[in-house]
Amino acid sequence: MNFLKLFSNYNNKIVAAICMIMASTLGVFMVSIIKYVQTDLNVYTISFFRFFFGLFIILPYHHKTNYRFLKTKKIHLHIFRSLFNVPAMYFGFSAVYLISLEKNAAISFTTPIIVSILAILFLKERIYLNRIFSLILGFIGILIVVRPGIIELEVGVLFSLLSCFFWSLSIFFTKKLTVTEESITILSYMYIFMTTVTLIFAIIKWENPNLIQLTLLFFAATCGTILHLFLNYAYKISDLTFLMPFNYIGLIVSSLMGFIIFEDFPDIFTWIGGGIILFSVFWITSREQTKK
């Protein structure tokens, strides 16, 4: 989408950081809606409408551009990305129903660690000491929030970890696609494949949503669509190892949304860990700008 290129005259790292922060915030809004709707609908029906509405939202843009952004020579990478995205989505949506938003957000920050390792090993991205420090600092914040071995491991926690693993693989393929593909192209093929796959599971486990639920799911799809456009553009203009710490912003937003909507008041460990995570983001931003 052209609106992302409005910032093309600015430092790529600043633009990428803003895109990641916006994506993290929109992700929390989407997940909050999904969590709320899951009180009456199963994850299979919700997942289908999430992607069906997303596909519906972007179709007018393709029609206006004569579908030129659907041209690709990397269809195999689009398929691989979607195959990993399916379990990531099902495990992720199930997790947010079983555990609080802030706990799910904290656990999801294992994704930056996995993605950074994959980027270094397979994409040959350079790893700087300040990036290592930022990731380690953020991970310490996560440990303070989750406290593994101190509090009981829940099924929702396991689902969240599995979602992170598959989502990390999806991000890896997204980064490879951004070398040659536009953000809207990557998004469109994901929606086409995901709508098809989720429809099969939804038919088997179908539940009829009412008008309010459909409206909420449309808003969730809108947030998710804009989210992925921001993500894909950020991946295109910057390194994954630089971008990943900005996911930590989601913990702060999740804590606020959890309190406002679901009356889940974060404990002191969440705030301490969240403060450390937030500092890690400020650290990586300031250091990258100094280096620039």
Protein backbone atom coordinates (compact mmCIF):
# COMPACT_ATOMS: atom_id res chain seq x y z
CA MET A 1 0.00 0.00 0.00
CA ASN A 2 1.31 3.45 -0.94
CA PHE A 3 0.62 5.08 2.46
CA LEU A 4 3.61 3.23 3.93
CA LYS A 5 5.90 4.93 1.43
CA LEU A 6 4.99 8.39 2.69
CA PHE A 7 7.86 7.98 5.16
CA SER A 8 10.40 6.94 2.53
CA ASN A 9 12.42 10.15 2.99
CA TYR A 10 13.12 9.38 6.64
CA ASN A 11 15.70 7.12 8.22
CA ASN A 12 14.70 3.51 7.49
CA LYS A 13 15.36 2.43 11.07
CA ILE A 14 13.02 5.09 12.46
CA VAL A 15 10.28 4.13 10.01
CA ALA A 16 10.78 0.42 10.70
CA ALA A 17 10.63 1.01 14.45
CA ILE A 18 7.38 3.00 14.12
CA CYS A 19 5.91 0.25 11.93
CA MET A 20 6.79 -2.40 14.50
CA ILE A 21 5.31 -0.40 17.38
CA MET A 22 2.10 0.19 15.41
CA ALA A 23 1.94 -3.49 14.47
CA SER A 24 2.40 -4.58 18.10
CA THR A 25 -0.35 -2.23 19.25
CA LEU A 26 -2.79 -3.33 16.53
CA GLY A 27 -1.96 -6.95 17.35
CA VAL A 28 -3.12 -6.42 20.93
CA PHE A 29 -6.38 -4.84 19.71
CA MET A 30 -7.00 -7.79 17.39
CA VAL A 31 -6.21 -10.38 20.07
CA SER A 32 -8.43 -8.58 22.59
CA ILE A 33 -11.38 -8.81 20.22
CA ILE A 34 -10.62 -12.48 19.49
CA LYS A 35 -10.47 -13.25 23.21
CA TYR A 36 -13.80 -11.51 23.82
CA VAL A 37 -15.60 -13.26 20.93
CA GLN A 38 -14.28 -16.69 21.96
CA THR A 39 -16.66 -16.74 24.93
CA ASP A 40 -19.40 -17.74 22.45
CA LEU A 41 -17.63 -18.95 19.28
CA ASN A 42 -14.99 -21.63 18.70
CA VAL A 43 -11.53 -20.84 17.40
CA TYR A 44 -12.19 -22.47 13.99
CA THR A 45 -15.14 -20.24 13.11
CA ILE A 46 -13.34 -17.15 14.42
CA SER A 47 -10.17 -17.92 12.46
CA PHE A 48 -12.07 -18.30 9.19
CA PHE A 49 -13.87 -14.97 9.50
CA ARG A 50 -10.68 -13.25 10.60
CA PHE A 51 -9.03 -14.09 7.26
CA PHE A 52 -12.15 -14.03 5.10
CA PHE A 53 -12.89 -10.44 6.14
CA GLY A 54 -9.22 -9.57 5.68
CA LEU A 55 -9.35 -10.86 2.11
CA PHE A 56 -12.57 -8.92 1.56
CA ILE A 57 -10.89 -5.71 2.77
CA ILE A 58 -7.97 -5.86 0.32
CA LEU A 59 -9.90 -7.03 -2.78
CA PRO A 60 -10.94 -3.48 -3.85
CA TYR A 61 -7.28 -2.44 -3.88
CA HIS A 62 -6.38 -5.35 -6.17
CA HIS A 63 -9.28 -4.53 -8.46
CA LYS A 64 -8.13 -0.90 -8.66
CA THR A 65 -4.56 -1.95 -9.54
CA ASN A 66 -5.68 -4.60 -12.07
CA TYR A 67 -4.40 -7.37 -9.80
CA ARG A 68 -0.78 -6.64 -10.72
CA PHE A 69 0.34 -7.21 -7.13
CA LEU A 70 -0.74 -10.85 -7.32
CA LYS A 71 2.06 -11.61 -9.77
CA THR A 72 4.77 -13.66 -8.09
CA LYS A 73 7.58 -16.09 -8.85
CA LYS A 74 7.83 -17.18 -5.21
CA ILE A 75 4.59 -19.09 -4.80
CA HIS A 76 6.39 -21.91 -2.96
CA LEU A 77 7.61 -19.49 -0.27
CA HIS A 78 4.09 -18.09 0.11
CA ILE A 79 2.81 -21.63 0.66
CA PHE A 80 5.51 -22.47 3.22
CA ARG A 81 4.79 -19.25 5.09
CA SER A 82 1.07 -20.03 5.25
CA LEU A 83 1.67 -23.62 6.36
CA PHE A 84 3.55 -22.37 9.41
CA ASN A 85 1.05 -19.59 9.98
CA VAL A 86 -1.89 -22.03 10.36
CA PRO A 87 -0.70 -23.74 13.60
CA ALA A 88 0.70 -20.42 14.84
CA MET A 89 -2.77 -18.91 14.54
CA TYR A 90 -4.74 -21.80 16.05
CA PHE A 91 -2.37 -22.18 19.01
CA GLY A 92 -2.19 -18.40 19.46
CA PHE A 93 -5.95 -17.79 19.41
CA SER A 94 -6.51 -20.71 21.79
CA ALA A 95 -3.85 -19.38 24.15
CA VAL A 96 -5.41 -15.93 24.52
CA TYR A 97 -8.67 -17.54 25.58
CA LEU A 98 -6.99 -19.66 28.25
CA ILE A 99 -4.57 -17.13 29.78
CA SER A 100 -4.49 -13.37 30.39
CA LEU A 101 -3.48 -10.96 27.64
CA GLU A 102 -0.35 -9.73 29.39
CA LYS A 103 0.88 -13.25 30.13
CA ASN A 104 0.33 -14.27 26.53
CA ALA A 105 2.13 -11.13 25.35
CA ALA A 106 5.06 -11.82 27.66
CA ILE A 107 5.40 -15.42 26.46
CA SER A 108 5.16 -14.31 22.84
CA PHE A 109 8.43 -12.45 23.30
CA THR A 110 10.28 -15.72 22.91
CA THR A 111 9.62 -15.08 19.21
CA PRO A 112 12.29 -12.35 18.89
CA ILE A 113 14.90 -14.72 20.31
CA ILE A 114 14.01 -17.49 17.83
CA VAL A 115 13.72 -15.10 14.88
CA SER A 116 17.05 -13.42 15.63
CA ILE A 117 18.80 -16.80 15.78
CA LEU A 118 17.22 -17.85 12.46
CA ALA A 119 18.21 -14.52 10.86
CA ILE A 120 21.82 -14.92 11.95
CA LEU A 121 22.07 -18.57 10.90
CA PHE A 122 20.19 -18.51 7.59
CA LEU A 123 19.91 -14.89 6.45
CA LYS A 124 23.50 -14.05 7.45
CA GLU A 125 22.42 -10.89 9.25
CA ARG A 126 25.12 -9.23 11.32
CA ILE A 127 24.66 -9.39 15.06
CA TYR A 128 25.91 -6.43 17.09
CA LEU A 129 26.60 -6.36 20.82
CA ASN A 130 23.89 -3.75 21.45
CA ARG A 131 21.31 -5.99 19.72
CA ILE A 132 22.40 -8.98 21.80
CA PHE A 133 22.18 -6.88 24.95
CA SER A 134 18.70 -5.64 24.03
CA LEU A 135 17.39 -9.16 23.34
CA ILE A 136 18.89 -10.57 26.54
CA LEU A 137 17.50 -7.69 28.58
CA GLY A 138 14.06 -8.19 27.07
CA PHE A 139 14.24 -11.93 27.76
CA ILE A 140 15.10 -11.25 31.42
CA GLY A 141 11.97 -9.12 31.58
CA ILE A 142 9.96 -12.02 30.16
CA LEU A 143 11.34 -14.42 32.78
CA ILE A 144 10.31 -12.02 35.54
CA VAL A 145 6.76 -11.91 34.16
CA VAL A 146 6.34 -15.64 33.47
CA ARG A 147 8.47 -16.96 36.39
CA PRO A 148 9.00 -20.49 34.99
CA GLY A 149 9.42 -23.11 37.72
CA ILE A 150 7.89 -20.77 40.28
CA ILE A 151 4.29 -20.75 39.05
CA GLU A 152 2.44 -23.71 37.51
CA LEU A 153 2.73 -24.31 33.77
CA GLU A 154 -0.70 -23.91 32.17
CA VAL A 155 -2.03 -25.42 28.94
CA GLY A 156 -2.49 -21.89 27.63
CA VAL A 157 1.20 -21.19 28.27
CA LEU A 158 2.17 -24.29 26.27
CA PHE A 159 -0.12 -23.23 23.39
CA SER A 160 1.41 -19.75 23.44
CA LEU A 161 4.95 -21.19 23.24
CA LEU A 162 3.98 -23.43 20.31
CA SER A 163 2.41 -20.45 18.57
CA CYS A 164 5.67 -18.51 19.01
CA PHE A 165 7.69 -21.32 17.46
CA PHE A 166 5.54 -21.55 14.32
CA TRP A 167 5.18 -17.78 14.06
CA SER A 168 8.97 -17.43 14.13
CA LEU A 169 9.23 -19.74 11.12
CA SER A 170 6.52 -17.72 9.37
CA ILE A 171 8.46 -14.49 10.00
CA PHE A 172 11.60 -16.11 8.60
CA PHE A 173 9.86 -16.86 5.29
CA THR A 174 8.29 -13.40 5.30
CA LYS A 175 11.73 -11.83 5.47
CA LYS A 176 12.91 -13.92 2.52
CA LEU A 177 9.83 -12.87 0.53
CA THR A 178 10.40 -9.16 1.18
CA VAL A 179 13.54 -9.29 -0.97
CA THR A 180 11.43 -9.49 -4.14
CA GLU A 181 7.78 -9.12 -3.10
CA GLU A 182 5.67 -6.10 -2.16
CA SER A 183 4.02 -6.00 1.27
CA ILE A 184 0.54 -6.23 -0.26
CA THR A 185 1.58 -9.28 -2.32
CA ILE A 186 2.81 -11.15 0.75
CA LEU A 187 -0.32 -10.25 2.66
CA SER A 188 -2.65 -11.23 -0.16
CA TYR A 189 -1.27 -14.71 -0.67
CA MET A 190 -1.37 -15.35 3.05
CA TYR A 191 -5.04 -14.35 3.12
CA ILE A 192 -5.88 -16.49 0.10
CA PHE A 193 -4.24 -19.61 1.54
CA MET A 194 -5.36 -19.00 5.12
CA THR A 195 -8.98 -18.37 4.12
CA THR A 196 -9.01 -21.63 2.15
CA VAL A 197 -7.48 -23.73 4.94
CA THR A 198 -9.51 -22.21 7.78
CA LEU A 199 -12.73 -22.68 5.79
CA ILE A 200 -12.15 -26.46 5.76
CA PHE A 201 -11.77 -26.60 9.54
CA ALA A 202 -14.60 -24.12 10.08
CA ILE A 203 -17.06 -26.25 8.08
CA ILE A 204 -16.26 -29.25 10.28
CA LYS A 205 -16.69 -27.25 13.53
CA TRP A 206 -19.12 -24.59 12.29
CA GLU A 207 -20.93 -22.26 14.71
CA ASN A 208 -23.23 -19.47 13.54
CA PRO A 209 -22.02 -16.01 14.63
CA ASN A 210 -24.53 -13.24 15.30
CA LEU A 211 -24.37 -9.72 13.86
CA ILE A 212 -22.43 -8.28 16.81
CA GLN A 213 -19.84 -11.06 16.64
CA LEU A 214 -19.45 -10.59 12.88
CA THR A 215 -18.95 -6.85 13.38
CA LEU A 216 -16.29 -7.45 16.02
CA LEU A 217 -14.54 -9.98 13.81
CA PHE A 218 -14.54 -7.48 10.95
CA PHE A 219 -12.78 -4.96 13.21
CA ALA A 220 -10.32 -7.69 14.26
CA ALA A 221 -9.63 -8.45 10.59
CA THR A 222 -9.09 -4.74 9.89
CA CYS A 223 -6.55 -4.48 12.71
CA GLY A 224 -4.86 -7.68 11.53
CA THR A 225 -4.68 -6.49 7.93
CA ILE A 226 -3.07 -3.15 8.78
CA LEU A 227 -0.82 -4.97 11.27
CA HIS A 228 0.61 -7.26 8.59
CA LEU A 229 1.16 -4.38 6.17
CA PHE A 230 3.23 -2.60 8.81
CA LEU A 231 5.12 -5.80 9.64
CA ASN A 232 5.91 -6.71 6.05
CA TYR A 233 7.12 -3.19 5.25
CA ALA A 234 9.30 -3.10 8.38
CA TYR A 235 10.83 -6.47 7.46
CA LYS A 236 11.56 -5.13 3.97
CA ILE A 237 13.52 -2.05 5.05
CA SER A 238 15.38 -3.25 8.14
CA ASP A 239 17.09 -6.24 9.80
CA LEU A 240 15.09 -8.72 11.85
CA THR A 241 17.59 -8.60 14.72
CA PHE A 242 17.00 -4.84 15.02
CA LEU A 243 13.21 -5.09 14.72
CA MET A 244 12.42 -7.93 17.10
CA PRO A 245 12.87 -6.06 20.44
CA PHE A 246 10.09 -3.65 19.43
CA ASN A 247 7.60 -6.49 19.86
CA TYR A 248 8.08 -6.00 23.59
CA ILE A 249 5.88 -2.88 23.45
CA GLY A 250 2.94 -5.28 23.12
CA LEU A 251 3.29 -6.31 26.78
CA ILE A 252 2.54 -2.80 28.04
CA VAL A 253 -0.47 -2.44 25.73
CA SER A 254 -1.71 -5.94 26.61
CA SER A 255 -1.58 -5.15 30.31
CA LEU A 256 -3.69 -2.04 29.80
CA MET A 257 -6.21 -3.78 27.53
CA GLY A 258 -6.47 -6.76 29.87
CA PHE A 259 -7.27 -4.45 32.76
CA ILE A 260 -9.75 -2.27 30.85
CA ILE A 261 -11.68 -5.01 29.04
CA PHE A 262 -11.23 -8.19 31.10
CA GLU A 263 -10.45 -6.70 34.53
CA ASP A 264 -7.19 -8.65 34.69
CA PHE A 265 -5.01 -6.52 36.94
CA PRO A 266 -1.31 -7.21 36.24
CA ASP A 267 0.77 -8.13 39.28
CA ILE A 268 3.92 -6.32 40.35
CA PHE A 269 6.12 -8.81 38.47
CA THR A 270 4.43 -7.90 35.19
CA TRP A 271 5.14 -4.22 35.72
CA ILE A 272 8.77 -4.81 36.76
CA GLY A 273 9.38 -7.13 33.82
CA GLY A 274 7.51 -4.76 31.51
CA GLY A 275 9.71 -1.87 32.63
CA ILE A 276 12.85 -3.85 31.82
CA ILE A 277 11.41 -4.82 28.44
CA LEU A 278 10.53 -1.21 27.66
CA PHE A 279 14.07 -0.12 28.56
CA SER A 280 15.46 -2.73 26.14
CA VAL A 281 13.49 -1.09 23.31
CA PHE A 282 14.73 2.39 24.18
CA TRP A 283 18.28 1.04 24.37
CA ILE A 284 18.28 -0.55 20.91
CA THR A 285 16.67 2.55 19.37
CA SER A 286 19.17 5.01 20.85
CA ARG A 287 22.18 2.84 20.04
CA GLU A 288 21.12 2.26 16.42
CA GLN A 289 20.55 5.98 15.93
CA THR A 290 23.96 6.80 17.42
CA LYS A 291 25.60 4.29 15.11
CA LYS A 292 23.70 5.73 12.15
